[in-house]
Amino acid sequence: MNKPLLILVAGGSASGKSTVVQEILDKAGLDDVLIIKHDDYYLDQSDLPLEVRYQTNYDHPNSLDNQLLFNHLTALMQGYSIEKPVYDFVQHTRSQKIEHVEVKPIIIVEGILILENEKIRNLSDMNLFVELDDDTRFIRRMLRDMRERGRSLDSIILQYESTVKPMFHKHIKPTKRFADVIIPNDRKHDIAVDLIVTKIKQILGERK
């Protein structure tokens, strides 16, 4: 098997990273793709009481086990399978489940802070940043966390004001400078998607 194509996709919380990735894959006609969520590499907190876990700053780089992700990506790039952790956002810690993951020709890693780590960036073939205005991201995040993660409105607002918004401007937004393409998700972005699709096909063609 040829070396997999590794793409990193960053952007603020609820900026639409997964939607844009799917749009790229659909337009490129690609389906043999491995998508990894950086969220699954949040540190295990099972040794802490639940009320302490609530205080975790999930928007800070230190909340993530980037060494484990780096090791896993290195293994995948060499053609080996991995045993990937799964994060439980209701219990605020790693799940007991482990996911067996086989390597595929294209690997995409999505996460708000995925471009922050230099070692991981150095493995990548292409870096993307999905951009959306703060107000729209907050509304999307609020609806998602209430529906999917069982959060109360008060807790969502508190977390957003205390960590999500300030950490975005301190740690996430600055990583735009590492992106090869910045995709505006608040308006039409067909040209950006077309350019990315063309580049993906070019790289895959060169590796045959």
N, C-alpha and C. Protein backbone atom coordinates (compact mmCIF):
# COMPACT_ATOMS: atom_id res chain seq x y z
N MET A 1 0.85 -1.21 0.00
CA MET A 1 0.00 0.00 0.00
C MET A 1 0.87 1.25 0.00
N ASN A 2 0.50 2.26 -0.82
CA ASN A 2 1.23 3.52 -0.84
C ASN A 2 1.02 4.28 0.46
N LYS A 3 1.89 5.21 0.73
CA LYS A 3 1.76 6.04 1.93
C LYS A 3 0.42 6.78 1.90
N PRO A 4 -0.34 6.71 2.99
CA PRO A 4 -1.64 7.41 3.03
C PRO A 4 -1.46 8.92 2.91
N LEU A 5 -2.49 9.57 2.39
CA LEU A 5 -2.55 11.03 2.33
C LEU A 5 -3.16 11.51 3.64
N LEU A 6 -2.44 12.35 4.39
CA LEU A 6 -2.93 12.84 5.68
C LEU A 6 -3.34 14.30 5.56
N ILE A 7 -4.60 14.57 5.92
CA ILE A 7 -5.15 15.93 5.89
C ILE A 7 -5.61 16.31 7.29
N LEU A 8 -5.21 17.47 7.75
CA LEU A 8 -5.64 18.00 9.05
C LEU A 8 -6.65 19.11 8.82
N VAL A 9 -7.76 19.07 9.56
CA VAL A 9 -8.83 20.06 9.39
C VAL A 9 -9.12 20.71 10.74
N ALA A 10 -8.81 21.99 10.84
CA ALA A 10 -9.02 22.74 12.09
C ALA A 10 -10.12 23.79 11.89
N GLY A 11 -10.43 24.49 12.97
CA GLY A 11 -11.46 25.52 12.95
C GLY A 11 -12.12 25.59 14.31
N GLY A 12 -12.78 26.68 14.59
CA GLY A 12 -13.43 26.83 15.88
C GLY A 12 -14.51 25.80 16.12
N SER A 13 -14.90 25.64 17.37
CA SER A 13 -15.96 24.72 17.73
C SER A 13 -17.24 25.05 16.98
N ALA A 14 -17.85 24.03 16.32
CA ALA A 14 -19.10 24.16 15.58
C ALA A 14 -18.95 25.06 14.34
N SER A 15 -17.76 25.09 13.77
CA SER A 15 -17.54 25.89 12.56
C SER A 15 -17.99 25.15 11.30
N GLY A 16 -18.28 23.86 11.43
CA GLY A 16 -18.73 23.09 10.28
C GLY A 16 -17.65 22.26 9.63
N LYS A 17 -16.66 21.86 10.41
CA LYS A 17 -15.53 21.08 9.87
C LYS A 17 -15.99 19.78 9.21
N SER A 18 -16.83 19.03 9.91
CA SER A 18 -17.29 17.74 9.38
C SER A 18 -18.10 17.90 8.11
N THR A 19 -18.92 18.95 8.05
CA THR A 19 -19.74 19.21 6.86
C THR A 19 -18.86 19.53 5.65
N VAL A 20 -17.85 20.36 5.86
CA VAL A 20 -16.95 20.73 4.77
C VAL A 20 -16.14 19.53 4.31
N VAL A 21 -15.69 18.72 5.25
CA VAL A 21 -14.94 17.50 4.89
C VAL A 21 -15.80 16.60 4.01
N GLN A 22 -17.06 16.40 4.41
CA GLN A 22 -17.94 15.54 3.62
C GLN A 22 -18.18 16.11 2.23
N GLU A 23 -18.27 17.43 2.14
CA GLU A 23 -18.45 18.08 0.84
C GLU A 23 -17.24 17.82 -0.06
N ILE A 24 -16.04 17.89 0.52
CA ILE A 24 -14.82 17.61 -0.25
C ILE A 24 -14.79 16.17 -0.73
N LEU A 25 -15.12 15.25 0.16
CA LEU A 25 -15.10 13.83 -0.19
C LEU A 25 -16.14 13.51 -1.28
N ASP A 26 -17.33 14.11 -1.15
CA ASP A 26 -18.36 13.87 -2.15
C ASP A 26 -17.94 14.40 -3.52
N LYS A 27 -17.35 15.58 -3.53
CA LYS A 27 -16.96 16.19 -4.80
C LYS A 27 -15.80 15.44 -5.43
N ALA A 28 -14.93 14.87 -4.60
CA ALA A 28 -13.78 14.12 -5.11
C ALA A 28 -14.14 12.69 -5.45
N GLY A 29 -15.35 12.26 -5.05
CA GLY A 29 -15.76 10.89 -5.29
C GLY A 29 -14.96 9.89 -4.48
N LEU A 30 -14.61 10.26 -3.25
CA LEU A 30 -13.78 9.41 -2.40
C LEU A 30 -14.63 8.81 -1.29
N ASP A 31 -14.49 7.50 -1.07
CA ASP A 31 -15.22 6.87 0.02
C ASP A 31 -14.34 5.99 0.90
N ASP A 32 -13.15 5.63 0.43
CA ASP A 32 -12.25 4.80 1.23
C ASP A 32 -11.36 5.70 2.09
N VAL A 33 -12.00 6.33 3.07
CA VAL A 33 -11.35 7.38 3.86
C VAL A 33 -11.50 7.10 5.35
N LEU A 34 -10.44 7.32 6.09
CA LEU A 34 -10.46 7.19 7.55
C LEU A 34 -10.56 8.58 8.15
N ILE A 35 -11.62 8.83 8.94
CA ILE A 35 -11.78 10.12 9.61
C ILE A 35 -11.59 9.92 11.11
N ILE A 36 -10.66 10.65 11.67
CA ILE A 36 -10.35 10.57 13.10
C ILE A 36 -10.72 11.89 13.75
N LYS A 37 -11.42 11.81 14.88
CA LYS A 37 -11.77 13.01 15.64
C LYS A 37 -10.70 13.26 16.70
N HIS A 38 -10.10 14.44 16.67
CA HIS A 38 -9.11 14.81 17.68
C HIS A 38 -9.72 14.74 19.08
N ASP A 39 -11.04 14.98 19.16
CA ASP A 39 -11.76 14.94 20.44
C ASP A 39 -11.55 13.61 21.18
N ASP A 40 -11.41 12.52 20.44
CA ASP A 40 -11.26 11.22 21.08
C ASP A 40 -9.94 11.09 21.83
N TYR A 41 -9.05 12.04 21.62
CA TYR A 41 -7.75 12.00 22.28
C TYR A 41 -7.66 12.95 23.47
N TYR A 42 -8.83 13.42 23.95
CA TYR A 42 -8.81 14.14 25.23
C TYR A 42 -8.30 13.19 26.31
N LEU A 43 -7.60 13.75 27.27
CA LEU A 43 -6.99 12.93 28.32
C LEU A 43 -8.04 12.19 29.14
N ASP A 44 -7.67 11.01 29.59
CA ASP A 44 -8.54 10.23 30.46
C ASP A 44 -8.68 10.93 31.81
N GLN A 45 -9.92 11.07 32.31
CA GLN A 45 -10.16 11.74 33.60
C GLN A 45 -10.93 10.84 34.56
N SER A 46 -10.87 9.55 34.32
CA SER A 46 -11.67 8.61 35.12
C SER A 46 -11.28 8.60 36.59
N ASP A 47 -10.08 9.09 36.91
CA ASP A 47 -9.64 9.11 38.31
C ASP A 47 -10.16 10.34 39.06
N LEU A 48 -10.85 11.24 38.35
CA LEU A 48 -11.35 12.47 38.96
C LEU A 48 -12.86 12.41 39.18
N PRO A 49 -13.36 13.04 40.26
CA PRO A 49 -14.82 13.11 40.46
C PRO A 49 -15.47 13.87 39.31
N LEU A 50 -16.73 13.54 39.02
CA LEU A 50 -17.43 14.14 37.90
C LEU A 50 -17.47 15.66 38.01
N GLU A 51 -17.66 16.18 39.24
CA GLU A 51 -17.75 17.63 39.40
C GLU A 51 -16.43 18.32 39.06
N VAL A 52 -15.32 17.61 39.21
CA VAL A 52 -14.01 18.16 38.84
C VAL A 52 -13.84 18.12 37.32
N ARG A 53 -14.33 17.04 36.72
CA ARG A 53 -14.23 16.91 35.25
C ARG A 53 -14.97 18.04 34.55
N TYR A 54 -16.05 18.52 35.16
CA TYR A 54 -16.82 19.62 34.57
C TYR A 54 -15.96 20.86 34.36
N GLN A 55 -14.91 20.99 35.16
CA GLN A 55 -14.08 22.19 35.12
C GLN A 55 -12.99 22.14 34.05
N THR A 56 -12.87 21.00 33.38
CA THR A 56 -11.80 20.84 32.39
C THR A 56 -11.93 21.86 31.26
N ASN A 57 -10.81 22.46 30.91
CA ASN A 57 -10.76 23.40 29.79
C ASN A 57 -10.44 22.61 28.52
N TYR A 58 -11.49 22.20 27.80
CA TYR A 58 -11.32 21.38 26.60
C TYR A 58 -10.79 22.17 25.41
N ASP A 59 -10.64 23.46 25.55
CA ASP A 59 -10.17 24.29 24.45
C ASP A 59 -8.71 24.70 24.62
N HIS A 60 -8.03 24.05 25.57
CA HIS A 60 -6.60 24.31 25.79
C HIS A 60 -5.80 23.12 25.26
N PRO A 61 -4.66 23.36 24.61
CA PRO A 61 -3.86 22.26 24.07
C PRO A 61 -3.49 21.19 25.09
N ASN A 62 -3.34 21.57 26.37
CA ASN A 62 -2.92 20.61 27.39
C ASN A 62 -4.00 19.60 27.75
N SER A 63 -5.22 19.78 27.22
CA SER A 63 -6.31 18.84 27.52
C SER A 63 -6.24 17.59 26.63
N LEU A 64 -5.33 17.60 25.65
CA LEU A 64 -5.28 16.54 24.64
C LEU A 64 -4.01 15.71 24.76
N ASP A 65 -4.15 14.41 24.49
CA ASP A 65 -3.01 13.50 24.49
C ASP A 65 -2.42 13.46 23.08
N ASN A 66 -1.69 14.53 22.74
CA ASN A 66 -1.15 14.64 21.39
C ASN A 66 -0.03 13.65 21.11
N GLN A 67 0.66 13.21 22.16
CA GLN A 67 1.71 12.22 21.94
C GLN A 67 1.10 10.90 21.47
N LEU A 68 -0.02 10.51 22.08
CA LEU A 68 -0.69 9.28 21.65
C LEU A 68 -1.18 9.41 20.22
N LEU A 69 -1.78 10.56 19.88
CA LEU A 69 -2.25 10.77 18.52
C LEU A 69 -1.09 10.73 17.54
N PHE A 70 0.02 11.37 17.89
CA PHE A 70 1.20 11.36 17.02
C PHE A 70 1.67 9.92 16.79
N ASN A 71 1.72 9.14 17.87
CA ASN A 71 2.15 7.74 17.75
C ASN A 71 1.20 6.95 16.84
N HIS A 72 -0.10 7.19 17.01
CA HIS A 72 -1.09 6.49 16.20
C HIS A 72 -1.01 6.89 14.73
N LEU A 73 -0.86 8.18 14.47
CA LEU A 73 -0.75 8.63 13.08
C LEU A 73 0.52 8.11 12.42
N THR A 74 1.61 8.07 13.18
CA THR A 74 2.87 7.54 12.66
C THR A 74 2.70 6.07 12.28
N ALA A 75 2.01 5.31 13.15
CA ALA A 75 1.76 3.90 12.86
C ALA A 75 0.90 3.73 11.61
N LEU A 76 -0.16 4.52 11.50
CA LEU A 76 -1.04 4.44 10.34
C LEU A 76 -0.29 4.79 9.06
N MET A 77 0.56 5.81 9.13
CA MET A 77 1.32 6.21 7.94
C MET A 77 2.28 5.12 7.49
N GLN A 78 2.63 4.24 8.43
CA GLN A 78 3.53 3.13 8.11
C GLN A 78 2.76 1.86 7.74
N GLY A 79 1.42 1.97 7.73
CA GLY A 79 0.60 0.85 7.30
C GLY A 79 0.07 -0.04 8.40
N TYR A 80 0.25 0.35 9.66
CA TYR A 80 -0.21 -0.47 10.78
C TYR A 80 -1.58 0.00 11.27
N SER A 81 -2.35 -0.91 11.84
CA SER A 81 -3.62 -0.56 12.46
C SER A 81 -3.37 -0.02 13.87
N ILE A 82 -4.39 0.62 14.45
CA ILE A 82 -4.27 1.18 15.79
C ILE A 82 -5.50 0.81 16.62
N GLU A 83 -5.39 0.98 17.94
CA GLU A 83 -6.51 0.84 18.86
C GLU A 83 -6.81 2.24 19.40
N LYS A 84 -7.83 2.87 18.83
CA LYS A 84 -8.11 4.28 19.10
C LYS A 84 -9.03 4.46 20.31
N PRO A 85 -8.72 5.43 21.17
CA PRO A 85 -9.63 5.72 22.28
C PRO A 85 -10.92 6.36 21.78
N VAL A 86 -11.95 6.30 22.62
CA VAL A 86 -13.24 6.93 22.31
C VAL A 86 -13.62 7.80 23.52
N TYR A 87 -13.95 9.06 23.28
CA TYR A 87 -14.26 9.95 24.40
C TYR A 87 -15.75 10.02 24.66
N ASP A 88 -16.13 10.05 25.94
CA ASP A 88 -17.52 10.13 26.37
C ASP A 88 -17.77 11.55 26.89
N PHE A 89 -18.50 12.34 26.11
CA PHE A 89 -18.72 13.74 26.48
C PHE A 89 -19.80 13.91 27.54
N VAL A 90 -20.55 12.88 27.80
CA VAL A 90 -21.54 12.95 28.88
C VAL A 90 -20.85 12.75 30.23
N GLN A 91 -19.91 11.77 30.30
CA GLN A 91 -19.18 11.49 31.53
C GLN A 91 -17.88 12.31 31.64
N HIS A 92 -17.55 13.04 30.60
CA HIS A 92 -16.35 13.90 30.60
C HIS A 92 -15.07 13.10 30.85
N THR A 93 -14.97 11.96 30.22
CA THR A 93 -13.75 11.16 30.32
C THR A 93 -13.74 10.15 29.18
N ARG A 94 -12.65 9.41 29.06
CA ARG A 94 -12.58 8.40 28.02
C ARG A 94 -13.55 7.26 28.30
N SER A 95 -14.16 6.79 27.25
CA SER A 95 -15.04 5.63 27.34
C SER A 95 -14.22 4.38 27.59
N GLN A 96 -14.89 3.35 28.06
CA GLN A 96 -14.24 2.05 28.20
C GLN A 96 -14.02 1.40 26.84
N LYS A 97 -14.71 1.89 25.82
CA LYS A 97 -14.59 1.31 24.49
C LYS A 97 -13.30 1.71 23.81
N ILE A 98 -12.75 0.78 23.04
CA ILE A 98 -11.59 1.03 22.19
C ILE A 98 -11.99 0.67 20.77
N GLU A 99 -11.62 1.51 19.82
CA GLU A 99 -12.00 1.26 18.43
C GLU A 99 -10.78 0.77 17.63
N HIS A 100 -10.93 -0.41 17.03
CA HIS A 100 -9.86 -0.93 16.16
C HIS A 100 -9.95 -0.21 14.82
N VAL A 101 -8.85 0.39 14.39
CA VAL A 101 -8.85 1.20 13.18
C VAL A 101 -7.78 0.69 12.21
N GLU A 102 -8.22 0.38 11.01
CA GLU A 102 -7.31 -0.04 9.94
C GLU A 102 -6.94 1.17 9.08
N VAL A 103 -5.75 1.13 8.52
CA VAL A 103 -5.28 2.22 7.68
C VAL A 103 -6.06 2.27 6.37
N LYS A 104 -6.26 3.48 5.83
CA LYS A 104 -6.91 3.68 4.53
C LYS A 104 -6.07 4.65 3.70
N PRO A 105 -6.34 4.74 2.40
CA PRO A 105 -5.52 5.59 1.53
C PRO A 105 -5.53 7.07 1.91
N ILE A 106 -6.65 7.53 2.50
CA ILE A 106 -6.75 8.93 2.93
C ILE A 106 -7.13 8.94 4.40
N ILE A 107 -6.39 9.72 5.17
CA ILE A 107 -6.67 9.88 6.60
C ILE A 107 -6.94 11.36 6.86
N ILE A 108 -8.08 11.64 7.46
CA ILE A 108 -8.44 13.02 7.80
C ILE A 108 -8.60 13.12 9.31
N VAL A 109 -7.92 14.08 9.91
CA VAL A 109 -8.05 14.31 11.35
C VAL A 109 -8.68 15.69 11.55
N GLU A 110 -9.83 15.70 12.23
CA GLU A 110 -10.56 16.93 12.49
C GLU A 110 -10.42 17.31 13.96
N GLY A 111 -10.25 18.61 14.22
CA GLY A 111 -10.22 19.06 15.61
C GLY A 111 -9.92 20.53 15.72
N ILE A 112 -10.44 21.15 16.76
CA ILE A 112 -10.25 22.59 16.91
C ILE A 112 -8.77 22.96 17.05
N LEU A 113 -7.99 22.06 17.65
CA LEU A 113 -6.58 22.36 17.95
C LEU A 113 -5.60 21.49 17.16
N ILE A 114 -6.08 20.86 16.09
CA ILE A 114 -5.23 19.89 15.39
C ILE A 114 -4.02 20.54 14.71
N LEU A 115 -4.10 21.84 14.40
CA LEU A 115 -2.95 22.51 13.78
C LEU A 115 -2.02 23.15 14.80
N GLU A 116 -2.35 23.00 16.08
CA GLU A 116 -1.53 23.65 17.11
C GLU A 116 -0.24 22.88 17.39
N ASN A 117 -0.26 21.55 17.20
CA ASN A 117 0.88 20.72 17.55
C ASN A 117 1.83 20.56 16.37
N GLU A 118 3.07 20.99 16.55
CA GLU A 118 4.03 21.00 15.44
C GLU A 118 4.38 19.59 14.96
N LYS A 119 4.54 18.65 15.88
CA LYS A 119 4.89 17.28 15.49
C LYS A 119 3.82 16.67 14.61
N ILE A 120 2.56 16.91 14.94
CA ILE A 120 1.46 16.38 14.14
C ILE A 120 1.39 17.10 12.80
N ARG A 121 1.59 18.42 12.81
CA ARG A 121 1.59 19.18 11.55
C ARG A 121 2.64 18.65 10.59
N ASN A 122 3.78 18.27 11.13
CA ASN A 122 4.88 17.81 10.27
C ASN A 122 4.59 16.49 9.58
N LEU A 123 3.59 15.75 10.06
CA LEU A 123 3.20 14.50 9.40
C LEU A 123 2.25 14.75 8.23
N SER A 124 1.64 15.92 8.20
CA SER A 124 0.51 16.20 7.31
C SER A 124 0.94 16.55 5.89
N ASP A 125 0.07 16.19 4.94
CA ASP A 125 0.24 16.58 3.54
C ASP A 125 -0.52 17.86 3.21
N MET A 126 -1.61 18.10 3.94
CA MET A 126 -2.45 19.26 3.65
C MET A 126 -3.16 19.72 4.92
N ASN A 127 -3.12 21.03 5.18
CA ASN A 127 -3.74 21.60 6.37
C ASN A 127 -4.86 22.55 5.96
N LEU A 128 -6.05 22.34 6.52
CA LEU A 128 -7.20 23.18 6.21
C LEU A 128 -7.73 23.85 7.48
N PHE A 129 -8.28 25.05 7.33
CA PHE A 129 -8.90 25.76 8.45
C PHE A 129 -10.27 26.24 8.00
N VAL A 130 -11.32 25.80 8.71
CA VAL A 130 -12.70 26.19 8.39
C VAL A 130 -13.08 27.38 9.28
N GLU A 131 -13.50 28.46 8.63
CA GLU A 131 -13.75 29.71 9.36
C GLU A 131 -15.23 30.07 9.34
N LEU A 132 -15.76 30.45 10.51
CA LEU A 132 -17.16 30.86 10.64
C LEU A 132 -17.24 31.89 11.76
N ASP A 133 -18.14 32.87 11.62
CA ASP A 133 -18.20 33.93 12.62
C ASP A 133 -18.62 33.40 13.99
N ASP A 134 -18.20 34.11 15.04
CA ASP A 134 -18.38 33.67 16.42
C ASP A 134 -19.84 33.42 16.79
N ASP A 135 -20.73 34.32 16.39
CA ASP A 135 -22.13 34.20 16.79
C ASP A 135 -22.77 32.93 16.23
N THR A 136 -22.51 32.66 14.97
CA THR A 136 -23.09 31.47 14.35
C THR A 136 -22.53 30.20 14.98
N ARG A 137 -21.23 30.20 15.28
CA ARG A 137 -20.62 29.04 15.92
C ARG A 137 -21.23 28.80 17.30
N PHE A 138 -21.47 29.88 18.05
CA PHE A 138 -22.05 29.72 19.38
C PHE A 138 -23.44 29.10 19.30
N ILE A 139 -24.27 29.58 18.38
CA ILE A 139 -25.63 29.05 18.24
C ILE A 139 -25.59 27.57 17.87
N ARG A 140 -24.73 27.21 16.92
CA ARG A 140 -24.60 25.81 16.51
C ARG A 140 -24.12 24.95 17.68
N ARG A 141 -23.13 25.46 18.43
CA ARG A 141 -22.59 24.71 19.56
C ARG A 141 -23.66 24.51 20.63
N MET A 142 -24.42 25.55 20.90
CA MET A 142 -25.48 25.47 21.91
C MET A 142 -26.48 24.38 21.56
N LEU A 143 -26.96 24.39 20.31
CA LEU A 143 -27.95 23.39 19.89
C LEU A 143 -27.37 21.98 19.93
N ARG A 144 -26.12 21.82 19.49
CA ARG A 144 -25.48 20.50 19.50
C ARG A 144 -25.31 19.98 20.92
N ASP A 145 -24.81 20.83 21.82
CA ASP A 145 -24.53 20.36 23.18
C ASP A 145 -25.80 20.04 23.95
N MET A 146 -26.87 20.75 23.67
CA MET A 146 -28.14 20.45 24.34
C MET A 146 -28.74 19.15 23.81
N ARG A 147 -28.66 18.93 22.48
CA ARG A 147 -29.26 17.75 21.87
C ARG A 147 -28.43 16.49 22.07
N GLU A 148 -27.11 16.61 21.86
CA GLU A 148 -26.26 15.43 21.78
C GLU A 148 -25.48 15.13 23.07
N ARG A 149 -25.27 16.14 23.89
CA ARG A 149 -24.40 15.95 25.04
C ARG A 149 -25.10 16.21 26.37
N GLY A 150 -26.40 16.44 26.32
CA GLY A 150 -27.19 16.57 27.54
C GLY A 150 -26.82 17.76 28.42
N ARG A 151 -26.34 18.84 27.82
CA ARG A 151 -25.93 20.00 28.60
C ARG A 151 -27.09 20.97 28.80
N SER A 152 -27.05 21.69 29.91
CA SER A 152 -28.05 22.73 30.15
C SER A 152 -27.59 24.01 29.47
N LEU A 153 -28.54 24.90 29.19
CA LEU A 153 -28.22 26.17 28.54
C LEU A 153 -27.26 26.98 29.40
N ASP A 154 -27.50 27.02 30.71
CA ASP A 154 -26.63 27.79 31.61
C ASP A 154 -25.20 27.28 31.58
N SER A 155 -25.02 25.96 31.56
CA SER A 155 -23.66 25.41 31.56
C SER A 155 -22.96 25.69 30.24
N ILE A 156 -23.72 25.69 29.14
CA ILE A 156 -23.14 25.97 27.83
C ILE A 156 -22.66 27.42 27.75
N ILE A 157 -23.50 28.33 28.24
CA ILE A 157 -23.13 29.76 28.22
C ILE A 157 -21.92 30.01 29.11
N LEU A 158 -21.91 29.40 30.30
CA LEU A 158 -20.79 29.58 31.23
C LEU A 158 -19.49 29.07 30.61
N GLN A 159 -19.54 27.88 30.00
CA GLN A 159 -18.34 27.31 29.39
C GLN A 159 -17.87 28.17 28.22
N TYR A 160 -18.82 28.65 27.43
CA TYR A 160 -18.46 29.46 26.27
C TYR A 160 -17.75 30.75 26.69
N GLU A 161 -18.31 31.41 27.69
CA GLU A 161 -17.73 32.69 28.12
C GLU A 161 -16.42 32.53 28.85
N SER A 162 -16.28 31.44 29.62
CA SER A 162 -15.08 31.27 30.45
C SER A 162 -13.91 30.64 29.72
N THR A 163 -14.20 29.70 28.78
CA THR A 163 -13.08 29.02 28.11
C THR A 163 -13.18 29.01 26.59
N VAL A 164 -14.34 28.67 26.04
CA VAL A 164 -14.43 28.45 24.59
C VAL A 164 -14.03 29.70 23.80
N LYS A 165 -14.65 30.84 24.11
CA LYS A 165 -14.37 32.06 23.35
C LYS A 165 -12.94 32.57 23.57
N PRO A 166 -12.49 32.72 24.82
CA PRO A 166 -11.11 33.21 25.01
C PRO A 166 -10.05 32.27 24.46
N MET A 167 -10.26 30.95 24.59
CA MET A 167 -9.29 29.99 24.08
C MET A 167 -9.25 29.97 22.55
N PHE A 168 -10.41 30.23 21.93
CA PHE A 168 -10.44 30.30 20.47
C PHE A 168 -9.49 31.39 19.98
N HIS A 169 -9.58 32.56 20.60
CA HIS A 169 -8.75 33.68 20.15
C HIS A 169 -7.28 33.52 20.57
N LYS A 170 -7.05 32.77 21.64
CA LYS A 170 -5.67 32.60 22.11
C LYS A 170 -4.96 31.43 21.42
N HIS A 171 -5.64 30.31 21.25
CA HIS A 171 -4.96 29.10 20.78
C HIS A 171 -5.40 28.57 19.42
N ILE A 172 -6.67 28.80 19.05
CA ILE A 172 -7.19 28.19 17.83
C ILE A 172 -7.07 29.11 16.62
N LYS A 173 -7.59 30.31 16.73
CA LYS A 173 -7.53 31.24 15.60
C LYS A 173 -6.10 31.48 15.10
N PRO A 174 -5.09 31.58 15.99
CA PRO A 174 -3.72 31.79 15.49
C PRO A 174 -3.19 30.66 14.61
N THR A 175 -3.78 29.46 14.70
CA THR A 175 -3.26 28.35 13.90
C THR A 175 -3.66 28.47 12.43
N LYS A 176 -4.46 29.49 12.09
CA LYS A 176 -4.78 29.73 10.68
C LYS A 176 -3.52 29.91 9.85
N ARG A 177 -2.46 30.42 10.48
CA ARG A 177 -1.23 30.67 9.72
C ARG A 177 -0.57 29.39 9.25
N PHE A 178 -0.96 28.25 9.82
CA PHE A 178 -0.40 26.97 9.40
C PHE A 178 -1.25 26.29 8.32
N ALA A 179 -2.38 26.91 7.96
CA ALA A 179 -3.29 26.29 6.99
C ALA A 179 -2.83 26.56 5.56
N ASP A 180 -2.95 25.54 4.72
CA ASP A 180 -2.69 25.71 3.29
C ASP A 180 -3.87 26.39 2.62
N VAL A 181 -5.08 26.09 3.13
CA VAL A 181 -6.30 26.71 2.59
C VAL A 181 -7.21 27.08 3.76
N ILE A 182 -7.74 28.31 3.76
CA ILE A 182 -8.74 28.74 4.74
C ILE A 182 -10.09 28.76 4.03
N ILE A 183 -11.04 27.99 4.57
CA ILE A 183 -12.34 27.82 3.93
C ILE A 183 -13.40 28.64 4.66
N PRO A 184 -13.96 29.67 4.03
CA PRO A 184 -15.01 30.46 4.68
C PRO A 184 -16.33 29.69 4.64
N ASN A 185 -16.88 29.38 5.81
CA ASN A 185 -18.09 28.55 5.85
C ASN A 185 -19.35 29.37 6.10
N ASP A 186 -19.24 30.70 6.00
CA ASP A 186 -20.42 31.55 6.16
C ASP A 186 -20.89 32.10 4.81
N ARG A 187 -20.26 31.63 3.74
CA ARG A 187 -20.67 32.00 2.40
C ARG A 187 -20.21 30.91 1.43
N LYS A 188 -20.43 31.13 0.16
CA LYS A 188 -20.11 30.14 -0.85
C LYS A 188 -18.60 29.84 -0.85
N HIS A 189 -18.25 28.55 -0.85
CA HIS A 189 -16.82 28.21 -0.84
C HIS A 189 -16.50 27.13 -1.88
N ASP A 190 -17.23 27.14 -2.98
CA ASP A 190 -17.03 26.13 -4.02
C ASP A 190 -15.62 26.16 -4.59
N ILE A 191 -15.06 27.35 -4.77
CA ILE A 191 -13.73 27.46 -5.37
C ILE A 191 -12.68 26.82 -4.46
N ALA A 192 -12.77 27.09 -3.15
CA ALA A 192 -11.83 26.50 -2.20
C ALA A 192 -11.94 24.98 -2.22
N VAL A 193 -13.16 24.48 -2.22
CA VAL A 193 -13.37 23.02 -2.26
C VAL A 193 -12.81 22.43 -3.54
N ASP A 194 -13.05 23.10 -4.68
CA ASP A 194 -12.54 22.60 -5.96
C ASP A 194 -11.02 22.55 -5.97
N LEU A 195 -10.38 23.56 -5.41
CA LEU A 195 -8.91 23.58 -5.35
C LEU A 195 -8.38 22.43 -4.49
N ILE A 196 -9.05 22.18 -3.37
CA ILE A 196 -8.62 21.10 -2.47
C ILE A 196 -8.79 19.74 -3.15
N VAL A 197 -9.93 19.56 -3.82
CA VAL A 197 -10.19 18.30 -4.52
C VAL A 197 -9.13 18.05 -5.59
N THR A 198 -8.80 19.09 -6.34
CA THR A 198 -7.78 18.97 -7.39
C THR A 198 -6.44 18.57 -6.79
N LYS A 199 -6.07 19.19 -5.68
CA LYS A 199 -4.78 18.88 -5.05
C LYS A 199 -4.77 17.45 -4.50
N ILE A 200 -5.88 17.02 -3.90
CA ILE A 200 -5.96 15.65 -3.38
C ILE A 200 -5.74 14.65 -4.51
N LYS A 201 -6.43 14.86 -5.63
CA LYS A 201 -6.30 13.96 -6.76
C LYS A 201 -4.87 13.96 -7.32
N GLN A 202 -4.26 15.13 -7.32
CA GLN A 202 -2.87 15.23 -7.80
C GLN A 202 -1.92 14.42 -6.93
N ILE A 203 -2.05 14.58 -5.62
CA ILE A 203 -1.16 13.85 -4.70
C ILE A 203 -1.38 12.35 -4.80
N LEU A 204 -2.65 11.95 -4.85
CA LEU A 204 -2.94 10.51 -4.96
C LEU A 204 -2.40 9.93 -6.26
N GLY A 205 -2.49 10.73 -7.34
CA GLY A 205 -1.97 10.28 -8.62
C GLY A 205 -0.46 10.10 -8.60
N GLU A 206 0.23 10.99 -7.90
CA GLU A 206 1.69 10.92 -7.81
C GLU A 206 2.15 9.73 -6.99
N ARG A 207 1.30 9.23 -6.11
CA ARG A 207 1.69 8.13 -5.22
C ARG A 207 1.34 6.75 -5.77
N LYS A 208 0.70 6.71 -6.93
CA LYS A 208 0.34 5.41 -7.52
C LYS A 208 1.59 4.71 -8.06
